[in-house]
C-alpha atoms as a PDB file:
ATOM      1  CA  MET A   1     128.533 108.027 -32.271  1.00  0.00           C
ATOM      2  CA  THR A   2     130.968 109.497 -34.774  1.00  0.00           C
ATOM      3  CA  GLU A   3     133.069 107.470 -37.151  1.00  0.00           C
ATOM      4  CA  PRO A   4     136.397 106.015 -35.958  1.00  0.00           C
ATOM      5  CA  ALA A   5     139.261 108.511 -35.795  1.00  0.00           C
ATOM      6  CA  GLN A   6     141.733 106.131 -37.406  1.00  0.00           C
ATOM      7  CA  THR A   7     142.308 102.519 -38.277  1.00  0.00           C
ATOM      8  CA  ALA A   8     144.983 100.214 -36.925  1.00  0.00           C
ATOM      9  CA  ASP A   9     147.435  99.146 -39.586  1.00  0.00           C
ATOM     10  CA  ARG A  10     151.154  98.758 -40.027  1.00  0.00           C
ATOM     11  CA  ALA A  11     152.927 101.946 -39.105  1.00  0.00           C
ATOM     12  CA  ARG A  12     156.169 103.584 -40.187  1.00  0.00           C
ATOM     13  CA  ILE A  13     158.714 104.798 -37.645  1.00  0.00           C
ATOM     14  CA  GLY A  14     159.148 108.443 -38.559  1.00  0.00           C
ATOM     15  CA  ALA A  15     161.082 109.021 -41.763  1.00  0.00           C
ATOM     16  CA  SER A  16     162.872 105.668 -41.487  1.00  0.00           C
ATOM     17  CA  ASP A  17     162.138 102.621 -43.615  1.00  0.00           C
ATOM     18  CA  LEU A  18     161.085 100.624 -40.552  1.00  0.00           C
ATOM     19  CA  GLU A  19     157.481  99.403 -40.451  1.00  0.00           C
ATOM     20  CA  ILE A  20     155.816  97.724 -37.465  1.00  0.00           C
ATOM     21  CA  ALA A  21     152.513  96.498 -36.123  1.00  0.00           C
ATOM     22  CA  PRO A  22     151.280  99.306 -33.827  1.00  0.00           C
ATOM     23  CA  LEU A  23     152.180  97.693 -30.491  1.00  0.00           C
ATOM     24  CA  ALA A  24     155.610  97.493 -28.865  1.00  0.00           C
ATOM     25  CA  LEU A  25     156.374  94.640 -26.497  1.00  0.00           C
ATOM     26  CA  GLY A  26     158.186  95.990 -23.451  1.00  0.00           C
ATOM     27  CA  THR A  27     160.847  93.545 -22.310  1.00  0.00           C
ATOM     28  CA  ASN A  28     162.213  94.955 -19.068  1.00  0.00           C
ATOM     29  CA  VAL A  29     160.627  91.937 -17.326  1.00  0.00           C
ATOM     30  CA  PHE A  30     162.648  89.438 -19.377  1.00  0.00           C
ATOM     31  CA  GLY A  31     165.269  87.859 -17.151  1.00  0.00           C
ATOM     32  CA  TRP A  32     163.734  89.567 -14.110  1.00  0.00           C
ATOM     33  CA  THR A  33     160.177  88.471 -13.299  1.00  0.00           C
ATOM     34  CA  THR A  34     160.011  86.414 -16.506  1.00  0.00           C
ATOM     35  CA  ASP A  35     162.453  83.512 -16.799  1.00  0.00           C
ATOM     36  CA  ARG A  36     163.908  82.047 -19.980  1.00  0.00           C
ATOM     37  CA  ASP A  37     161.063  79.616 -20.686  1.00  0.00           C
ATOM     38  CA  ALA A  38     158.388  82.237 -20.056  1.00  0.00           C
ATOM     39  CA  THR A  39     160.302  84.772 -22.183  1.00  0.00           C
ATOM     40  CA  PHE A  40     160.417  82.337 -25.088  1.00  0.00           C
ATOM     41  CA  ALA A  41     156.692  81.593 -24.693  1.00  0.00           C
ATOM     42  CA  VAL A  42     155.796  85.303 -24.685  1.00  0.00           C
ATOM     43  CA  LEU A  43     157.919  86.022 -27.766  1.00  0.00           C
ATOM     44  CA  ASP A  44     156.438  83.007 -29.559  1.00  0.00           C
ATOM     45  CA  ALA A  45     152.889  84.152 -28.807  1.00  0.00           C
ATOM     46  CA  PHE A  46     153.614  87.816 -29.547  1.00  0.00           C
ATOM     47  CA  THR A  47     154.979  87.102 -33.029  1.00  0.00           C
ATOM     48  CA  ALA A  48     152.293  84.491 -33.737  1.00  0.00           C
ATOM     49  CA  GLY A  49     149.683  87.113 -32.786  1.00  0.00           C
ATOM     50  CA  GLY A  50     150.975  89.657 -35.290  1.00  0.00           C
ATOM     51  CA  GLY A  51     153.417  91.595 -33.117  1.00  0.00           C
ATOM     52  CA  ASP A  52     156.915  92.301 -34.383  1.00  0.00           C
ATOM     53  CA  PHE A  53     158.347  95.257 -32.437  1.00  0.00           C
ATOM     54  CA  VAL A  54     160.247  94.688 -29.176  1.00  0.00           C
ATOM     55  CA  ASP A  55     161.631  97.379 -26.903  1.00  0.00           C
ATOM     56  CA  THR A  56     164.571  96.688 -24.607  1.00  0.00           C
ATOM     57  CA  ALA A  57     167.633  98.440 -23.167  1.00  0.00           C
ATOM     58  CA  ASP A  58     171.184  97.460 -22.331  1.00  0.00           C
ATOM     59  CA  GLY A  59     170.553  98.222 -18.660  1.00  0.00           C
ATOM     60  CA  TYR A  60     167.628  95.782 -18.196  1.00  0.00           C
ATOM     61  CA  SER A  61     167.693  94.417 -15.480  1.00  0.00           C
ATOM     62  CA  HIS A  62     170.772  95.690 -13.610  1.00  0.00           C
ATOM     63  CA  TRP A  63     168.623  96.794 -10.634  1.00  0.00           C
ATOM     64  CA  VAL A  64     168.000  93.178  -9.599  1.00  0.00           C
ATOM     65  CA  GLN A  65     170.380  91.757  -7.015  1.00  0.00           C
ATOM     66  CA  GLY A  66     172.900  89.512  -8.748  1.00  0.00           C
ATOM     67  CA  HIS A  67     172.219  90.986 -12.204  1.00  0.00           C
ATOM     68  CA  SER A  68     174.758  92.964 -14.200  1.00  0.00           C
ATOM     69  CA  GLY A  69     172.581  94.403 -16.992  1.00  0.00           C
ATOM     70  CA  GLY A  70     171.907  93.026 -20.461  1.00  0.00           C
ATOM     71  CA  GLU A  71     169.727  90.149 -19.233  1.00  0.00           C
ATOM     72  CA  SER A  72     166.771  91.171 -21.415  1.00  0.00           C
ATOM     73  CA  GLU A  73     168.877  91.630 -24.551  1.00  0.00           C
ATOM     74  CA  ARG A  74     170.564  88.287 -23.975  1.00  0.00           C
ATOM     75  CA  LEU A  75     167.282  86.384 -23.729  1.00  0.00           C
ATOM     76  CA  ILE A  76     165.934  88.073 -26.853  1.00  0.00           C
ATOM     77  CA  GLY A  77     169.132  87.073 -28.643  1.00  0.00           C
ATOM     78  CA  GLU A  78     168.792  83.484 -27.449  1.00  0.00           C
ATOM     79  CA  TRP A  79     165.186  83.366 -28.718  1.00  0.00           C
ATOM     80  CA  ILE A  80     166.238  84.756 -32.104  1.00  0.00           C
ATOM     81  CA  ALA A  81     168.992  82.147 -32.382  1.00  0.00           C
ATOM     82  CA  ALA A  82     166.741  79.284 -31.285  1.00  0.00           C
ATOM     83  CA  ARG A  83     163.932  80.242 -33.664  1.00  0.00           C
ATOM     84  CA  GLY A  84     166.041  81.574 -36.546  1.00  0.00           C
ATOM     85  CA  ALA A  85     163.752  84.569 -36.288  1.00  0.00           C
ATOM     86  CA  ARG A  86     165.743  87.770 -36.697  1.00  0.00           C
ATOM     87  CA  ASP A  87     163.563  88.817 -39.633  1.00  0.00           C
ATOM     88  CA  ARG A  88     160.438  88.461 -37.463  1.00  0.00           C
ATOM     89  CA  LEU A  89     161.478  91.256 -35.101  1.00  0.00           C
ATOM     90  CA  VAL A  90     162.142  94.970 -35.276  1.00  0.00           C
ATOM     91  CA  ILE A  91     164.416  95.601 -32.300  1.00  0.00           C
ATOM     92  CA  ALA A  92     164.706  98.810 -30.310  1.00  0.00           C
ATOM     93  CA  THR A  93     167.320  99.061 -27.578  1.00  0.00           C
ATOM     94  CA  LYS A  94     168.925 101.874 -25.621  1.00  0.00           C
ATOM     95  CA  VAL A  95     172.248 103.115 -24.294  1.00  0.00           C
ATOM     96  CA  SER A  96     173.345 104.868 -21.076  1.00  0.00           C
ATOM     97  CA  THR A  97     172.235 102.741 -18.098  1.00  0.00           C
ATOM     98  CA  HIS A  98     174.304  99.538 -18.298  1.00  0.00           C
ATOM     99  CA  PRO A  99     176.659  99.573 -15.287  1.00  0.00           C
ATOM    100  CA  SER A 100     179.637  98.968 -17.591  1.00  0.00           C
ATOM    101  CA  PHE A 101     178.521 101.539 -20.194  1.00  0.00           C
ATOM    102  CA  THR A 102     176.981 104.487 -18.372  1.00  0.00           C
ATOM    103  CA  GLY A 103     176.405 107.854 -19.982  1.00  0.00           C
ATOM    104  CA  LEU A 104     176.532 109.127 -23.536  1.00  0.00           C
ATOM    105  CA  ALA A 105     180.175 109.832 -24.298  1.00  0.00           C
ATOM    106  CA  ALA A 106     181.170 108.803 -27.813  1.00  0.00           C
ATOM    107  CA  ALA A 107     183.521 105.989 -26.803  1.00  0.00           C
ATOM    108  CA  ASN A 108     180.932 104.606 -24.398  1.00  0.00           C
ATOM    109  CA  ILE A 109     178.180 104.613 -27.051  1.00  0.00           C
ATOM    110  CA  ALA A 110     180.408 102.771 -29.515  1.00  0.00           C
ATOM    111  CA  ALA A 111     181.371 100.116 -26.948  1.00  0.00           C
ATOM    112  CA  ALA A 112     177.824  99.756 -25.621  1.00  0.00           C
ATOM    113  CA  ALA A 113     176.406  99.280 -29.116  1.00  0.00           C
ATOM    114  CA  ASP A 114     178.883  96.491 -29.838  1.00  0.00           C
ATOM    115  CA  ALA A 115     177.978  94.804 -26.544  1.00  0.00           C
ATOM    116  CA  SER A 116     174.258  95.050 -27.323  1.00  0.00           C
ATOM    117  CA  LEU A 117     174.788  93.633 -30.807  1.00  0.00           C
ATOM    118  CA  GLN A 118     176.663  90.683 -29.306  1.00  0.00           C
ATOM    119  CA  ARG A 119     173.977  89.958 -26.701  1.00  0.00           C
ATOM    120  CA  LEU A 120     171.198  90.260 -29.278  1.00  0.00           C
ATOM    121  CA  GLY A 121     173.081  88.063 -31.733  1.00  0.00           C
ATOM    122  CA  THR A 122     172.530  90.433 -34.629  1.00  0.00           C
ATOM    123  CA  ASP A 123     174.640  92.678 -36.838  1.00  0.00           C
ATOM    124  CA  VAL A 124     172.266  95.660 -36.719  1.00  0.00           C
ATOM    125  CA  ILE A 125     170.045  97.409 -34.172  1.00  0.00           C
ATOM    126  CA  ASP A 126     166.887  98.676 -35.845  1.00  0.00           C
ATOM    127  CA  LEU A 127     166.219 101.599 -33.480  1.00  0.00           C
ATOM    128  CA  TYR A 128     168.838 102.819 -30.984  1.00  0.00           C
ATOM    129  CA  TYR A 129     167.837 105.295 -28.282  1.00  0.00           C
ATOM    130  CA  ALA A 130     169.777 107.675 -26.125  1.00  0.00           C
ATOM    131  CA  HIS A 131     168.035 106.367 -22.997  1.00  0.00           C
ATOM    132  CA  PHE A 132     168.524 109.276 -20.588  1.00  0.00           C
ATOM    133  CA  ASP A 133     169.975 112.719 -21.204  1.00  0.00           C
ATOM    134  CA  ASP A 134     173.630 113.076 -20.178  1.00  0.00           C
ATOM    135  CA  GLU A 135     174.304 116.779 -19.824  1.00  0.00           C
ATOM    136  CA  SER A 136     177.935 116.118 -18.893  1.00  0.00           C
ATOM    137  CA  VAL A 137     178.605 115.289 -22.557  1.00  0.00           C
ATOM    138  CA  PRO A 138     178.156 117.833 -25.382  1.00  0.00           C
ATOM    139  CA  LEU A 139     175.181 116.939 -27.542  1.00  0.00           C
ATOM    140  CA  GLU A 140     177.402 117.196 -30.607  1.00  0.00           C
ATOM    141  CA  GLU A 141     179.495 114.309 -29.254  1.00  0.00           C
ATOM    142  CA  THR A 142     176.490 112.128 -28.413  1.00  0.00           C
ATOM    143  CA  ILE A 143     174.649 112.757 -31.677  1.00  0.00           C
ATOM    144  CA  GLY A 144     177.825 112.372 -33.680  1.00  0.00           C
ATOM    145  CA  ALA A 145     178.509 108.980 -32.096  1.00  0.00           C
ATOM    146  CA  LEU A 146     174.982 107.744 -32.796  1.00  0.00           C
ATOM    147  CA  SER A 147     175.140 109.069 -36.355  1.00  0.00           C
ATOM    148  CA  ALA A 148     178.463 107.259 -36.860  1.00  0.00           C
ATOM    149  CA  LEU A 149     176.763 103.986 -35.912  1.00  0.00           C
ATOM    150  CA  VAL A 150     174.234 104.561 -38.691  1.00  0.00           C
ATOM    151  CA  ASP A 151     177.067 105.242 -41.140  1.00  0.00           C
ATOM    152  CA  ALA A 152     178.779 102.033 -40.001  1.00  0.00           C
ATOM    153  CA  GLY A 153     175.635 100.002 -40.642  1.00  0.00           C
ATOM    154  CA  LYS A 154     175.308  98.968 -36.990  1.00  0.00           C
ATOM    155  CA  VAL A 155     172.132 101.022 -36.381  1.00  0.00           C
ATOM    156  CA  ARG A 156     169.247 101.711 -38.767  1.00  0.00           C
ATOM    157  CA  ALA A 157     167.611 104.627 -36.946  1.00  0.00           C
ATOM    158  CA  ILE A 158     168.140 106.855 -33.904  1.00  0.00           C
ATOM    159  CA  GLY A 159     165.719 107.607 -31.073  1.00  0.00           C
ATOM    160  CA  ILE A 160     165.509 109.904 -28.042  1.00  0.00           C
ATOM    161  CA  SER A 161     164.142 108.881 -24.636  1.00  0.00           C
ATOM    162  CA  ASN A 162     163.478 110.943 -21.490  1.00  0.00           C
ATOM    163  CA  TYR A 163     164.596 114.316 -22.896  1.00  0.00           C
ATOM    164  CA  THR A 164     162.953 117.643 -22.061  1.00  0.00           C
ATOM    165  CA  PRO A 165     161.339 119.749 -24.789  1.00  0.00           C
ATOM    166  CA  GLU A 166     164.171 122.258 -24.560  1.00  0.00           C
ATOM    167  CA  ARG A 167     166.863 119.618 -24.938  1.00  0.00           C
ATOM    168  CA  ILE A 168     165.016 118.170 -27.923  1.00  0.00           C
ATOM    169  CA  ASP A 169     165.149 121.620 -29.503  1.00  0.00           C
ATOM    170  CA  GLU A 170     168.885 121.680 -28.908  1.00  0.00           C
ATOM    171  CA  TRP A 171     169.258 118.107 -30.208  1.00  0.00           C
ATOM    172  CA  PHE A 172     167.809 119.033 -33.587  1.00  0.00           C
ATOM    173  CA  ARG A 173     169.721 122.311 -33.770  1.00  0.00           C
ATOM    174  CA  VAL A 174     172.966 120.366 -33.293  1.00  0.00           C
ATOM    175  CA  THR A 175     171.798 117.723 -35.760  1.00  0.00           C
ATOM    176  CA  GLU A 176     171.161 120.284 -38.474  1.00  0.00           C
ATOM    177  CA  GLU A 177     174.361 122.218 -37.851  1.00  0.00           C
ATOM    178  CA  GLY A 178     176.458 119.047 -37.830  1.00  0.00           C
ATOM    179  CA  GLY A 179     174.756 117.355 -40.759  1.00  0.00           C
ATOM    180  CA  PHE A 180     174.083 114.278 -38.614  1.00  0.00           C
ATOM    181  CA  HIS A 181     171.422 111.609 -39.127  1.00  0.00           C
ATOM    182  CA  ARG A 182     168.119 112.807 -37.681  1.00  0.00           C
ATOM    183  CA  ALA A 183     166.396 111.076 -34.785  1.00  0.00           C
ATOM    184  CA  VAL A 184     163.086 109.520 -35.867  1.00  0.00           C
ATOM    185  CA  ALA A 185     161.541 108.383 -32.576  1.00  0.00           C
ATOM    186  CA  LEU A 186     160.738 109.672 -29.111  1.00  0.00           C
ATOM    187  CA  GLN A 187     160.014 107.551 -26.037  1.00  0.00           C
ATOM    188  CA  PRO A 188     158.240 109.496 -23.250  1.00  0.00           C
ATOM    189  CA  HIS A 189     156.206 108.629 -20.160  1.00  0.00           C
ATOM    190  CA  TYR A 190     152.600 108.935 -21.382  1.00  0.00           C
ATOM    191  CA  ASN A 191     149.271 107.269 -20.745  1.00  0.00           C
ATOM    192  CA  LEU A 192     145.659 108.085 -19.921  1.00  0.00           C
ATOM    193  CA  VAL A 193     146.515 109.230 -16.384  1.00  0.00           C
ATOM    194  CA  GLU A 194     149.976 110.694 -17.115  1.00  0.00           C
ATOM    195  CA  ARG A 195     149.442 113.359 -19.762  1.00  0.00           C
ATOM    196  CA  GLY A 196     152.405 115.685 -19.299  1.00  0.00           C
ATOM    197  CA  PHE A 197     153.626 114.648 -22.752  1.00  0.00           C
ATOM    198  CA  GLU A 198     150.831 116.741 -24.267  1.00  0.00           C
ATOM    199  CA  HIS A 199     152.423 119.945 -22.967  1.00  0.00           C
ATOM    200  CA  GLY A 200     155.618 120.553 -24.897  1.00  0.00           C
ATOM    201  CA  LEU A 201     156.866 117.148 -25.973  1.00  0.00           C
ATOM    202  CA  ARG A 202     154.032 116.447 -28.403  1.00  0.00           C
ATOM    203  CA  GLU A 203     154.664 119.783 -30.097  1.00  0.00           C
ATOM    204  CA  ARG A 204     158.290 118.753 -30.707  1.00  0.00           C
ATOM    205  CA  ALA A 205     157.246 115.337 -31.982  1.00  0.00           C
ATOM    206  CA  GLU A 206     154.882 116.971 -34.475  1.00  0.00           C
ATOM    207  CA  ARG A 207     157.435 119.532 -35.608  1.00  0.00           C
ATOM    208  CA  GLU A 208     160.336 117.088 -35.980  1.00  0.00           C
ATOM    209  CA  GLY A 209     158.350 114.160 -37.362  1.00  0.00           C
ATOM    210  CA  LEU A 210     159.124 111.901 -34.402  1.00  0.00           C
ATOM    211  CA  ALA A 211     157.274 108.613 -33.999  1.00  0.00           C
ATOM    212  CA  VAL A 212     156.207 108.412 -30.354  1.00  0.00           C
ATOM    213  CA  PHE A 213     156.398 105.193 -28.327  1.00  0.00           C
ATOM    214  CA  PRO A 214     155.054 105.823 -24.809  1.00  0.00           C
ATOM    215  CA  TYR A 215     156.323 103.735 -21.909  1.00  0.00           C
ATOM    216  CA  PHE A 216     154.277 102.838 -18.799  1.00  0.00           C
ATOM    217  CA  SER A 217     151.339 102.757 -21.219  1.00  0.00           C
ATOM    218  CA  LEU A 218     149.169 100.984 -18.647  1.00  0.00           C
ATOM    219  CA  ALA A 219     150.304 103.203 -15.747  1.00  0.00           C
ATOM    220  CA  LYS A 220     152.235 100.377 -14.095  1.00  0.00           C
ATOM    221  CA  GLY A 221     149.181  98.130 -14.285  1.00  0.00           C
ATOM    222  CA  PHE A 222     146.524 100.577 -13.083  1.00  0.00           C
ATOM    223  CA  LEU A 223     145.005 101.014 -16.549  1.00  0.00           C
ATOM    224  CA  SER A 224     144.512  97.271 -16.856  1.00  0.00           C
ATOM    225  CA  GLY A 225     141.639  97.729 -14.397  1.00  0.00           C
ATOM    226  CA  LYS A 226     143.072  95.251 -11.911  1.00  0.00           C
ATOM    227  CA  TYR A 227     143.560  97.697  -9.037  1.00  0.00           C
ATOM    228  CA  ARG A 228     140.413  99.549  -7.948  1.00  0.00           C
ATOM    229  CA  SER A 229     140.692 100.191  -4.202  1.00  0.00           C
ATOM    230  CA  ALA A 230     143.262 101.047  -1.556  1.00  0.00           C
ATOM    231  CA  GLU A 231     142.251  97.855   0.246  1.00  0.00           C
ATOM    232  CA  GLN A 232     143.036  95.772  -2.827  1.00  0.00           C
ATOM    233  CA  VAL A 233     146.436  97.424  -3.168  1.00  0.00           C
ATOM    234  CA  ALA A 234     147.140  96.895   0.537  1.00  0.00           C
ATOM    235  CA  ALA A 235     146.217  93.229   0.213  1.00  0.00           C
ATOM    236  CA  GLU A 236     149.018  92.858  -2.325  1.00  0.00           C
ATOM    237  CA  GLY A 237     151.363  95.120  -0.380  1.00  0.00           C
ATOM    238  CA  ALA A 238     154.420  93.008  -1.096  1.00  0.00           C
ATOM    239  CA  SER A 239     153.930  93.436  -4.838  1.00  0.00           C
ATOM    240  CA  VAL A 240     156.018  96.165  -6.468  1.00  0.00           C
ATOM    241  CA  ARG A 241     153.412  96.357  -9.236  1.00  0.00           C
ATOM    242  CA  ALA A 242     150.529  96.838  -6.789  1.00  0.00           C
ATOM    243  CA  ARG A 243     152.315  99.615  -4.912  1.00  0.00           C
ATOM    244  CA  ALA A 244     153.116 101.438  -8.165  1.00  0.00           C
ATOM    245  CA  ALA A 245     149.574 101.119  -9.516  1.00  0.00           C
ATOM    246  CA  GLY A 246     148.167 102.118  -6.147  1.00  0.00           C
ATOM    247  CA  ALA A 247     149.388 105.676  -6.651  1.00  0.00           C
ATOM    248  CA  TYR A 248     146.525 106.165  -9.131  1.00  0.00           C
ATOM    249  CA  VAL A 249     143.739 104.787  -6.936  1.00  0.00           C
ATOM    250  CA  ASP A 250     142.060 108.094  -6.142  1.00  0.00           C
ATOM    251  CA  GLU A 251     138.960 109.993  -7.240  1.00  0.00           C
ATOM    252  CA  ARG A 252     140.393 110.849 -10.657  1.00  0.00           C
ATOM    253  CA  GLY A 253     141.736 107.354 -11.229  1.00  0.00           C
ATOM    254  CA  LEU A 254     138.419 105.725 -10.400  1.00  0.00           C
ATOM    255  CA  ARG A 255     136.669 108.172 -12.732  1.00  0.00           C
ATOM    256  CA  VAL A 256     139.006 107.055 -15.524  1.00  0.00           C
ATOM    257  CA  LEU A 257     138.322 103.384 -14.769  1.00  0.00           C
ATOM    258  CA  ALA A 258     134.569 104.003 -14.914  1.00  0.00           C
ATOM    259  CA  ALA A 259     134.938 105.592 -18.353  1.00  0.00           C
ATOM    260  CA  LEU A 260     137.163 102.723 -19.485  1.00  0.00           C
ATOM    261  CA  ASP A 261     134.602 100.194 -18.223  1.00  0.00           C
ATOM    262  CA  ALA A 262     131.882 101.834 -20.327  1.00  0.00           C
ATOM    263  CA  VAL A 263     133.958 101.821 -23.518  1.00  0.00           C
ATOM    264  CA  ALA A 264     135.192  98.290 -22.866  1.00  0.00           C
ATOM    265  CA  ALA A 265     131.614  97.064 -22.452  1.00  0.00           C
ATOM    266  CA  ALA A 266     130.589  98.720 -25.725  1.00  0.00           C
ATOM    267  CA  HIS A 267     133.316  96.861 -27.593  1.00  0.00           C
ATOM    268  CA  GLY A 268     133.293  93.626 -25.629  1.00  0.00           C
ATOM    269  CA  ALA A 269     136.950  94.322 -24.918  1.00  0.00           C
ATOM    270  CA  ALA A 270     139.250  94.306 -21.904  1.00  0.00           C
ATOM    271  CA  VAL A 271     140.029  97.538 -20.064  1.00  0.00           C
ATOM    272  CA  ALA A 272     143.726  97.118 -20.888  1.00  0.00           C
ATOM    273  CA  SER A 273     142.914  96.850 -24.600  1.00  0.00           C
ATOM    274  CA  VAL A 274     140.882 100.064 -24.485  1.00  0.00           C
ATOM    275  CA  SER A 275     143.612 101.900 -22.565  1.00  0.00           C
ATOM    276  CA  LEU A 276     146.187 100.975 -25.201  1.00  0.00           C
ATOM    277  CA  ALA A 277     143.829 101.770 -28.082  1.00  0.00           C
ATOM    278  CA  TRP A 278     143.204 105.258 -26.648  1.00  0.00           C
ATOM    279  CA  LEU A 279     146.940 105.865 -26.446  1.00  0.00           C
ATOM    280  CA  ARG A 280     147.652 104.530 -29.933  1.00  0.00           C
ATOM    281  CA  GLN A 281     145.067 106.912 -31.389  1.00  0.00           C
ATOM    282  CA  GLN A 282     146.630 110.036 -29.880  1.00  0.00           C
ATOM    283  CA  PRO A 283     148.465 112.456 -32.208  1.00  0.00           C
ATOM    284  CA  THR A 284     152.083 111.437 -32.969  1.00  0.00           C
ATOM    285  CA  VAL A 285     151.788 108.093 -31.128  1.00  0.00           C
ATOM    286  CA  VAL A 286     152.762 105.178 -33.365  1.00  0.00           C
ATOM    287  CA  ALA A 287     152.647 102.354 -30.811  1.00  0.00           C
ATOM    288  CA  PRO A 288     152.280 102.053 -27.046  1.00  0.00           C
ATOM    289  CA  ILE A 289     154.842  99.966 -25.173  1.00  0.00           C
ATOM    290  CA  ALA A 290     153.376  97.303 -22.874  1.00  0.00           C
ATOM    291  CA  SER A 291     154.979  94.317 -21.214  1.00  0.00           C
ATOM    292  CA  ALA A 292     153.686  90.834 -20.481  1.00  0.00           C
ATOM    293  CA  ARG A 293     155.181  88.502 -17.899  1.00  0.00           C
ATOM    294  CA  SER A 294     153.216  85.554 -19.289  1.00  0.00           C
ATOM    295  CA  VAL A 295     151.295  84.472 -22.356  1.00  0.00           C
ATOM    296  CA  GLY A 296     148.100  84.902 -20.364  1.00  0.00           C
ATOM    297  CA  GLN A 297     148.726  88.645 -20.083  1.00  0.00           C
ATOM    298  CA  LEU A 298     149.499  89.020 -23.765  1.00  0.00           C
ATOM    299  CA  GLY A 299     146.046  88.531 -25.248  1.00  0.00           C
ATOM    300  CA  ASP A 300     144.619  91.864 -24.108  1.00  0.00           C
ATOM    301  CA  LEU A 301     147.702  93.671 -25.401  1.00  0.00           C
ATOM    302  CA  LEU A 302     147.485  92.103 -28.852  1.00  0.00           C
ATOM    303  CA  ALA A 303     143.729  92.723 -28.989  1.00  0.00           C
ATOM    304  CA  SER A 304     144.424  96.461 -28.786  1.00  0.00           C
ATOM    305  CA  ILE A 305     146.077  96.432 -32.224  1.00  0.00           C
ATOM    306  CA  ASP A 306     142.763  96.093 -34.050  1.00  0.00           C
ATOM    307  CA  LEU A 307     140.590  97.973 -31.560  1.00  0.00           C
ATOM    308  CA  VAL A 308     139.520 101.362 -32.939  1.00  0.00           C
ATOM    309  CA  LEU A 309     137.682 103.814 -30.697  1.00  0.00           C
ATOM    310  CA  THR A 310     135.292 106.453 -31.990  1.00  0.00           C
ATOM    311  CA  ASP A 311     135.982 110.154 -31.616  1.00  0.00           C
ATOM    312  CA  ASP A 312     133.285 110.320 -28.942  1.00  0.00           C
ATOM    313  CA  GLU A 313     134.904 107.503 -26.983  1.00  0.00           C
ATOM    314  CA  LEU A 314     138.348 109.083 -27.246  1.00  0.00           C
ATOM    315  CA  ALA A 315     136.943 112.389 -26.008  1.00  0.00           C
ATOM    316  CA  ALA A 316     135.051 110.775 -23.129  1.00  0.00           C
ATOM    317  CA  LEU A 317     138.180 109.037 -21.892  1.00  0.00           C
ATOM    318  CA  ALA A 318     140.229 112.210 -22.206  1.00  0.00           C
ATOM    319  CA  ALA A 319     137.606 114.170 -20.283  1.00  0.00           C
ATOM    320  CA  ALA A 320     137.516 111.588 -17.495  1.00  0.00           C
ATOM    321  CA  SER A 321     141.259 111.922 -16.996  1.00  0.00           C
ATOM    322  CA  ALA A 322     141.337 115.735 -17.176  1.00  0.00           C
END
């Protein structure tokens, strides 16, 4: 086999001064399927295991009956306060989906940022994303509002999430013309079985120097290797996770799992760890985002940080998913 393509180490977020361990803890489950005690346990174990980058959004988890949004941010803030641990986390959050702060108008961004800061119990957001494109608002207004937050010291760096390649082009044209602070990060849907990012978005990330943080890194659980047959998915039919992962249980998906099994066996690693390591070693990707509902699920995620695949292994996995 060839030599490893890269080594896992601390990574910089674009041109910012933010440095992280190359794994982002997704926190959309906090306050939803993960209660306060379990959230605290996961954050304790994540930071003890070398992780320091958490990804949340002001809208998490407004989709749950009885929730109003901000539940994830609030629990993270409570953990920070209880542990006195603000300096142990780099925090990314997002604006546009909280029911009280929808869209990307300037006044809404300013109010939403203040609300997020209050829930998180901090005076600065490390990385603040425009969560979803809002074409009803001129990009100059949205970018100007985010840039103003950087000037005010409330945000350290700006990110873009769920934008098309063409809108990213326009984003940076407006940024340059307006003299605004540049975005440094991009959050797309990308994993071993969802590779649309490689056709257009990656080119923009390379050109603009964007650090990429893919979400659904484990394909809603499929790339953990847990779901391997339609019968298994049907047996857990009431599970939202099983239904979502079940979409990948087909000939191609099983081919990918077979390739993952082979690489995992060679390293004595879990399939989930290999899936995340493959993603981390793709061009422009700085850290995959993966969530854990319990400490028991966290070990395989943390193990991916130091797992380095060879060029041959990376190519074999890519070929299996082609």
